[in-house]
């Protein structure tokens, strides 16, 4: 099984690339986010998941280990194939996926091609209690994403923000109520969920009105 490829980017397509490794071209399917980091003619390294079927052997590439972990997790959901996984990873980063699942935000998943409301509901339901952790190699300075585009990987730096800490039952209800209030005000559920959780983390004794006020301050700070 091929687990990693390092070579020159020969071709870039809409959902694939060809990596030239010592004169051998490997066709690798990848998300739009991973492909956007590749440069034709430049060196690149990709983590690879090899999927073997009766009539084909397909390679799926990832710029970092966290994206690969989400790919493997999503494929375990009934009705989510490899291509649908790539469609999801093309519109949602690993951190956004963690937030969307925690917030039970079905709308975020329906942005991906091939994901309708029923499948989106199944995804957030089946993954509700699932935490996709960053494998050790993703936190190393030699992470593959540095090889892909020559820059450090900042996606994993916000990982702690994406993980939802265990809350008491009362606090959890307060968070849900505050999120619902913000959604009614027109904010996106995933953004409201993140802002409220940040407010709750810094102010564990805050009630619903105060959580809403603190979350609104968080939004205002970002808009400045």
Protein backbone atom coordinates (compact mmCIF):
# COMPACT_ATOMS: atom_id res chain seq x y z
CA UNK A 1 0.00 0.00 0.00
CA UNK A 2 1.19 3.51 -0.82
CA UNK A 3 1.06 5.75 2.26
CA UNK A 4 3.07 8.77 1.12
CA UNK A 5 4.34 10.29 -2.10
CA UNK A 6 7.10 12.84 -2.58
CA UNK A 7 7.89 14.18 -6.03
CA UNK A 8 7.24 16.88 -8.61
CA UNK A 9 3.72 18.09 -9.39
CA UNK A 10 3.29 17.20 -13.05
CA UNK A 11 -0.41 17.94 -13.59
CA UNK A 12 -3.21 19.66 -11.68
CA UNK A 13 -6.87 18.84 -12.39
CA UNK A 14 -10.17 19.82 -10.84
CA UNK A 15 -10.09 16.97 -8.33
CA UNK A 16 -6.75 15.28 -8.91
CA UNK A 17 -3.06 15.78 -9.48
CA UNK A 18 -0.28 13.73 -10.99
CA UNK A 19 2.88 13.44 -8.90
CA UNK A 20 6.02 12.48 -10.79
CA UNK A 21 8.18 10.29 -8.57
CA UNK A 22 11.45 9.45 -10.33
CA UNK A 23 9.74 9.32 -13.71
CA UNK A 24 6.63 7.46 -12.58
CA UNK A 25 3.42 9.50 -12.58
CA UNK A 26 0.93 8.75 -9.79
CA UNK A 27 -2.68 9.89 -10.23
CA UNK A 28 -3.82 11.18 -6.85
CA UNK A 29 -7.32 12.44 -6.06
CA UNK A 30 -7.43 15.30 -3.56
CA UNK A 31 -9.62 18.01 -2.10
CA UNK A 32 -9.69 21.50 -3.57
CA UNK A 33 -7.97 22.79 -0.44
CA UNK A 34 -5.04 20.40 -0.87
CA UNK A 35 -4.80 21.03 -4.61
CA UNK A 36 -4.72 24.78 -4.03
CA UNK A 37 -1.46 24.34 -2.12
CA UNK A 38 0.27 22.57 -5.00
CA UNK A 39 2.28 24.30 -7.71
CA UNK A 40 2.91 22.67 -11.05
CA UNK A 41 6.60 21.88 -11.49
CA UNK A 42 7.31 22.24 -7.76
CA UNK A 43 8.25 19.57 -5.24
CA UNK A 44 5.43 18.29 -3.06
CA UNK A 45 4.77 15.59 -0.49
CA UNK A 46 1.34 14.13 0.16
CA UNK A 47 0.03 11.65 2.67
CA UNK A 48 -1.85 8.98 0.75
CA UNK A 49 -4.75 6.64 1.45
CA UNK A 50 -4.86 3.70 -0.98
CA UNK A 51 -8.31 2.30 -1.67
CA UNK A 52 -8.45 -1.06 -3.43
CA UNK A 53 -11.61 -2.26 -5.13
CA UNK A 54 -12.30 -5.17 -7.47
CA UNK A 55 -11.90 -3.02 -10.56
CA UNK A 56 -9.55 -0.26 -9.44
CA UNK A 57 -6.80 0.97 -7.15
CA UNK A 58 -7.23 4.64 -6.24
CA UNK A 59 -4.91 7.01 -4.40
CA UNK A 60 -6.25 9.88 -2.31
CA UNK A 61 -3.80 12.56 -1.20
CA UNK A 62 -3.78 14.94 1.74
CA UNK A 63 -1.64 17.95 2.64
CA UNK A 64 -1.74 17.11 6.34
CA UNK A 65 -2.55 14.25 8.68
CA UNK A 66 -5.63 15.91 10.19
CA UNK A 67 -7.32 16.11 6.80
CA UNK A 68 -6.54 12.43 6.24
CA UNK A 69 -8.02 11.50 9.63
CA UNK A 70 -11.24 13.30 8.72
CA UNK A 71 -11.32 11.51 5.39
CA UNK A 72 -11.06 8.14 7.12
CA UNK A 73 -13.69 9.15 9.67
CA UNK A 74 -16.19 10.43 7.10
CA UNK A 75 -15.90 7.29 4.96
CA UNK A 76 -17.22 5.29 7.90
CA UNK A 77 -20.57 7.09 7.64
CA UNK A 78 -23.08 5.15 5.55
CA UNK A 79 -23.56 6.75 2.15
CA UNK A 80 -20.34 8.76 2.26
CA UNK A 81 -17.91 7.53 -0.37
CA UNK A 82 -14.38 8.71 -1.06
CA UNK A 83 -15.42 11.28 -3.68
CA UNK A 84 -18.08 12.75 -1.39
CA UNK A 85 -15.44 12.98 1.35
CA UNK A 86 -13.23 15.02 -0.94
CA UNK A 87 -16.17 17.27 -1.79
CA UNK A 88 -16.73 17.90 1.93
CA UNK A 89 -13.02 18.50 2.56
CA UNK A 90 -13.04 20.93 -0.37
CA UNK A 91 -15.48 23.27 1.38
CA UNK A 92 -14.69 22.63 5.06
CA UNK A 93 -11.26 22.59 6.67
CA UNK A 94 -10.60 19.99 9.42
CA UNK A 95 -11.17 22.63 12.09
CA UNK A 96 -14.43 23.75 10.47
CA UNK A 97 -15.52 20.11 10.26
CA UNK A 98 -14.93 19.67 13.99
CA UNK A 99 -16.95 22.80 14.70
CA UNK A 100 -19.76 21.83 12.34
CA UNK A 101 -20.12 18.39 13.91
CA UNK A 102 -20.02 19.81 17.44
CA UNK A 103 -22.64 22.42 16.52
CA UNK A 104 -24.73 19.83 14.63
CA UNK A 105 -24.60 22.27 11.72
CA UNK A 106 -26.13 20.32 8.82
CA UNK A 107 -26.16 23.35 6.53
CA UNK A 108 -22.37 23.48 6.39
CA UNK A 109 -22.22 19.95 4.99
CA UNK A 110 -24.85 20.60 2.32
CA UNK A 111 -22.43 23.09 0.74
CA UNK A 112 -20.49 20.08 -0.54
CA UNK A 113 -21.44 18.56 -3.90
CA UNK A 114 -23.36 15.32 -3.47
CA UNK A 115 -24.44 16.04 0.12
CA UNK A 116 -28.16 16.59 0.56
CA UNK A 117 -30.08 17.38 3.77
CA UNK A 118 -30.64 13.71 4.67
CA UNK A 119 -26.99 12.75 4.27
CA UNK A 120 -25.87 15.88 6.13
CA UNK A 121 -28.17 14.95 9.01
CA UNK A 122 -26.76 11.43 9.08
CA UNK A 123 -23.20 12.75 9.15
CA UNK A 124 -23.67 15.10 12.11
CA UNK A 125 -25.72 12.49 13.97
CA UNK A 126 -23.27 9.62 13.55
CA UNK A 127 -20.26 11.79 14.32
CA UNK A 128 -21.87 13.71 17.19
CA UNK A 129 -19.74 12.09 19.90
CA UNK A 130 -16.69 11.60 17.71
CA UNK A 131 -13.55 13.67 18.25
CA UNK A 132 -11.07 13.48 15.41
CA UNK A 133 -7.67 14.10 16.94
CA UNK A 134 -4.60 15.39 15.17
CA UNK A 135 -2.13 12.55 14.64
CA UNK A 136 1.33 13.20 16.07
CA UNK A 137 2.91 13.85 12.68
CA UNK A 138 0.53 16.74 12.08
CA UNK A 139 1.99 18.67 15.01
CA UNK A 140 5.62 18.12 14.01
CA UNK A 141 7.59 20.97 12.45
CA UNK A 142 8.25 18.76 9.44
CA UNK A 143 4.54 18.45 8.69
CA UNK A 144 3.79 17.68 5.05
CA UNK A 145 1.99 20.96 4.52
CA UNK A 146 5.30 22.77 4.90
CA UNK A 147 6.62 20.70 2.01
CA UNK A 148 3.57 21.36 -0.14
CA UNK A 149 3.53 25.14 -0.21
CA UNK A 150 6.66 26.18 1.66
CA UNK A 151 4.76 27.63 4.63
CA UNK A 152 4.02 26.40 8.10
CA UNK A 153 0.69 24.72 8.72
CA UNK A 154 -1.51 27.07 10.72
CA UNK A 155 -4.65 24.95 10.46
CA UNK A 156 -3.69 22.79 13.42
CA UNK A 157 -2.86 25.80 15.59
CA UNK A 158 -6.56 26.37 16.25
CA UNK A 159 -7.29 22.76 17.03
CA UNK A 160 -7.95 23.35 20.71
CA UNK A 161 -10.63 25.88 19.75
CA UNK A 162 -12.34 23.20 17.67
CA UNK A 163 -12.57 20.70 20.49
CA UNK A 164 -15.57 21.14 22.74
CA UNK A 165 -14.80 20.76 26.40
CA UNK A 166 -17.11 18.71 28.56
CA UNK A 167 -19.80 20.99 29.96
CA UNK A 168 -22.22 20.54 32.85
CA UNK A 169 -25.81 19.82 31.81
CA UNK A 170 -27.00 23.28 32.85
CA UNK A 171 -24.12 25.02 31.08
CA UNK A 172 -24.73 22.95 27.96
CA UNK A 173 -28.37 24.06 27.91
CA UNK A 174 -27.28 27.68 28.32
CA UNK A 175 -24.93 27.32 25.37
CA UNK A 176 -27.65 25.79 23.19
CA UNK A 177 -30.08 28.59 24.11
CA UNK A 178 -27.48 31.28 23.42
CA UNK A 179 -26.57 29.73 20.06
CA UNK A 180 -30.24 29.56 19.06
CA UNK A 181 -30.69 33.21 19.97
CA UNK A 182 -27.72 34.24 17.83
CA UNK A 183 -28.95 32.14 14.91
CA UNK A 184 -32.31 33.93 15.17
CA UNK A 185 -30.38 37.20 14.94
CA UNK A 186 -28.97 36.08 11.61
CA UNK A 187 -25.58 34.63 12.54
CA UNK A 188 -24.36 31.37 11.02
CA UNK A 189 -24.81 28.46 13.44
CA UNK A 190 -21.20 27.31 13.23
CA UNK A 191 -19.89 30.82 13.98
CA UNK A 192 -22.43 31.34 16.76
CA UNK A 193 -21.49 28.01 18.30
CA UNK A 194 -17.80 28.85 18.31
CA UNK A 195 -18.34 32.33 19.78
CA UNK A 196 -20.65 31.08 22.52
CA UNK A 197 -18.34 28.21 23.46
CA UNK A 198 -15.42 30.62 23.70
CA UNK A 199 -17.50 32.87 25.94
CA UNK A 200 -18.56 29.91 28.10
CA UNK A 201 -14.97 28.70 28.38
CA UNK A 202 -13.76 32.09 29.63
CA UNK A 203 -16.87 32.73 31.76
CA UNK A 204 -18.15 29.35 33.03
CA UNK A 205 -20.70 30.97 35.37
CA UNK A 206 -22.31 33.14 32.68
CA UNK A 207 -26.05 32.76 32.12
CA UNK A 208 -27.77 32.87 28.72
CA UNK A 209 -28.09 36.71 28.43
CA UNK A 210 -24.44 37.18 29.37
CA UNK A 211 -23.30 34.46 26.99
CA UNK A 212 -25.14 36.24 24.18
CA UNK A 213 -23.55 39.59 25.09
CA UNK A 214 -20.06 38.07 25.29
CA UNK A 215 -20.54 36.25 21.99
CA UNK A 216 -21.68 39.48 20.32
CA UNK A 217 -18.53 41.18 21.63
CA UNK A 218 -16.51 38.39 20.05
CA UNK A 219 -18.22 39.04 16.71
CA UNK A 220 -17.64 42.78 17.06
CA UNK A 221 -13.95 42.24 17.77
CA UNK A 222 -13.56 40.19 14.57
CA UNK A 223 -15.33 42.84 12.51
CA UNK A 224 -13.01 45.63 13.64
